[in-house]
Protein backbone atom coordinates (compact mmCIF):
# COMPACT_ATOMS: atom_id res chain seq x y z
CA MET A 1 -34.85 -45.02 17.37
CA PHE A 2 -34.06 -44.37 21.12
CA ASP A 3 -35.59 -46.94 23.55
CA ILE A 4 -35.90 -45.13 26.83
CA LYS A 5 -37.24 -48.17 28.66
CA SER A 6 -34.07 -50.34 27.90
CA PHE A 7 -31.91 -47.21 28.79
CA PHE A 8 -33.41 -46.94 32.29
CA LYS A 9 -33.33 -50.70 32.87
CA ARG A 10 -29.50 -50.63 31.98
CA GLU A 11 -28.93 -47.78 34.38
CA VAL A 12 -30.81 -49.59 37.26
CA GLU A 13 -28.93 -52.73 36.53
CA LYS A 14 -25.66 -50.93 36.47
CA LYS A 15 -26.35 -49.45 39.82
CA LEU A 16 -27.47 -52.72 41.36
CA ILE A 17 -24.35 -54.67 40.07
CA ASP A 18 -21.81 -51.91 40.92
CA VAL A 19 -19.40 -54.01 43.05
CA ASP A 20 -17.62 -50.91 44.22
CA ASP A 21 -20.40 -50.18 46.61
CA TYR A 22 -20.08 -53.65 48.50
CA ILE A 23 -17.41 -55.18 50.84
CA PHE A 24 -17.14 -58.83 50.48
CA MET A 25 -15.99 -61.46 52.88
CA PRO A 26 -12.79 -62.88 51.35
CA GLU A 27 -13.15 -66.42 50.09
CA ARG A 28 -10.93 -69.05 48.51
CA VAL A 29 -11.93 -72.07 46.51
CA GLU A 30 -9.30 -74.73 45.41
CA MET A 31 -9.64 -77.68 43.15
CA GLU A 32 -7.75 -79.95 40.90
CA LEU A 33 -8.36 -79.28 37.21
CA GLU A 34 -6.87 -81.01 34.07
CA GLY A 35 -3.82 -82.20 35.97
CA GLY A 36 -3.21 -78.95 37.60
CA SER A 37 -4.21 -76.87 40.62
CA LEU A 38 -6.92 -73.95 40.33
CA ASN A 39 -7.31 -71.45 43.07
CA CYS A 40 -9.93 -68.95 42.95
CA VAL A 41 -9.88 -66.11 45.45
CA LEU A 42 -12.56 -63.47 46.06
CA ASN A 43 -11.10 -60.38 47.58
CA SER A 44 -12.87 -57.85 49.90
CA ASP A 45 -13.05 -55.30 47.10
CA GLY A 46 -14.89 -57.54 44.67
CA ARG A 47 -11.94 -58.54 42.56
CA VAL A 48 -11.76 -62.23 41.69
CA ASP A 49 -7.99 -63.64 41.31
CA ILE A 50 -7.70 -66.78 39.64
CA PHE A 51 -4.43 -68.89 39.73
CA TYR A 52 -3.83 -72.00 37.55
CA THR A 53 -0.67 -74.06 38.23
CA LYS A 54 0.52 -77.14 36.31
CA ASP A 55 3.94 -78.71 36.02
CA GLY A 56 5.55 -75.67 37.78
CA ILE A 57 3.97 -73.11 35.36
CA THR A 58 1.61 -70.65 36.95
CA GLU A 59 -0.79 -68.26 35.20
CA VAL A 60 -2.85 -65.61 36.88
CA GLY A 61 -6.02 -63.91 35.72
CA SER A 62 -8.32 -61.37 37.39
CA ALA A 63 -12.08 -60.57 37.00
CA THR A 64 -14.57 -58.28 38.58
CA ARG A 65 -17.40 -59.75 40.72
CA LYS A 66 -20.34 -60.18 38.54
CA HIS A 67 -23.22 -61.08 40.85
CA PRO A 68 -22.79 -59.42 44.32
CA PHE A 69 -25.95 -61.03 45.80
CA THR A 70 -24.94 -64.48 44.78
CA ALA A 71 -22.73 -66.81 46.75
CA PHE A 72 -19.12 -67.03 45.27
CA GLU A 73 -19.21 -70.75 45.04
CA THR A 74 -22.51 -70.60 43.24
CA GLU A 75 -21.05 -68.26 40.73
CA LEU A 76 -18.15 -70.60 40.07
CA HIS A 77 -20.44 -73.76 39.73
CA HIS A 78 -22.58 -71.76 37.21
CA GLY A 79 -19.48 -71.09 35.09
CA VAL A 80 -19.34 -67.31 35.45
CA TYR A 81 -15.69 -67.16 35.42
CA ASP A 82 -15.17 -70.11 32.95
CA ASP A 83 -13.83 -67.81 30.21
CA VAL A 84 -11.04 -66.56 32.40
CA ILE A 85 -10.34 -70.02 33.64
CA GLY A 86 -10.16 -71.53 30.06
CA ASP A 87 -7.80 -68.71 29.04
CA LEU A 88 -5.39 -69.50 31.93
CA VAL A 89 -5.45 -73.19 31.10
CA LYS A 90 -4.72 -72.61 27.44
CA GLU A 91 -1.81 -70.24 28.44
CA VAL A 92 -0.15 -72.90 30.76
CA GLU A 93 -0.60 -75.63 28.10
CA LYS A 94 0.87 -73.51 25.52
CA VAL A 95 3.97 -73.06 27.65
CA ILE A 96 4.25 -76.55 28.68
CA ASP A 97 3.93 -77.71 25.02
CA GLY A 98 6.42 -75.02 23.88
CA SER A 99 10.18 -75.63 23.53
CA SER A 100 13.19 -73.37 23.14
CA LYS A 101 15.39 -73.48 20.29
CA TYR A 102 18.39 -72.62 22.62
CA PHE A 103 17.70 -74.70 25.77
CA ARG A 104 17.00 -78.44 25.57
CA ARG A 105 16.60 -80.94 28.35
CA ASN A 106 18.40 -83.66 26.28
CA ARG A 107 21.19 -81.55 25.06
CA VAL A 108 24.39 -82.19 26.90
CA LEU A 109 26.68 -79.30 27.39
CA PRO A 110 30.34 -79.83 26.63
CA SER A 111 32.56 -80.14 29.65
CA THR A 112 35.24 -77.67 30.12
CA SER A 113 38.86 -78.67 30.42
CA LEU A 114 40.58 -78.44 33.89
CA LEU A 115 42.11 -75.19 34.72
CA SER A 116 45.82 -75.66 35.22
CA ASN A 117 47.57 -74.31 38.27
CA PRO A 118 49.70 -71.27 37.40
CA SER A 119 52.73 -72.69 39.31
CA ASP A 120 52.70 -75.68 37.04
CA ILE A 121 53.40 -73.41 33.91
CA SER A 122 57.09 -72.46 35.04
């Protein structure tokens, strides 16, 4: 059965939350998180860019502003973007914990022999 009340309610909410109609004052929130650095940037177009860096590895995620009438810091404190941040932390940890079968820090590359001077050959 078709529920017309919920349909209209969704349409009204969609119109109110459409961030394309707003221009935001750019904001930046920085903090230390799980041994790394987290930077959350609100752009003027409503896009939220999130950067997580740890041990020289950086992962970047992006989300759309979800609540245009709420302060950006309040959204962060209420965990609105926690899913994106969690994914970034997982990806960085995955890279840090991974290892290459070709490149190893403890592997010593063989040294090459000295090139002889062509004039010494004669």
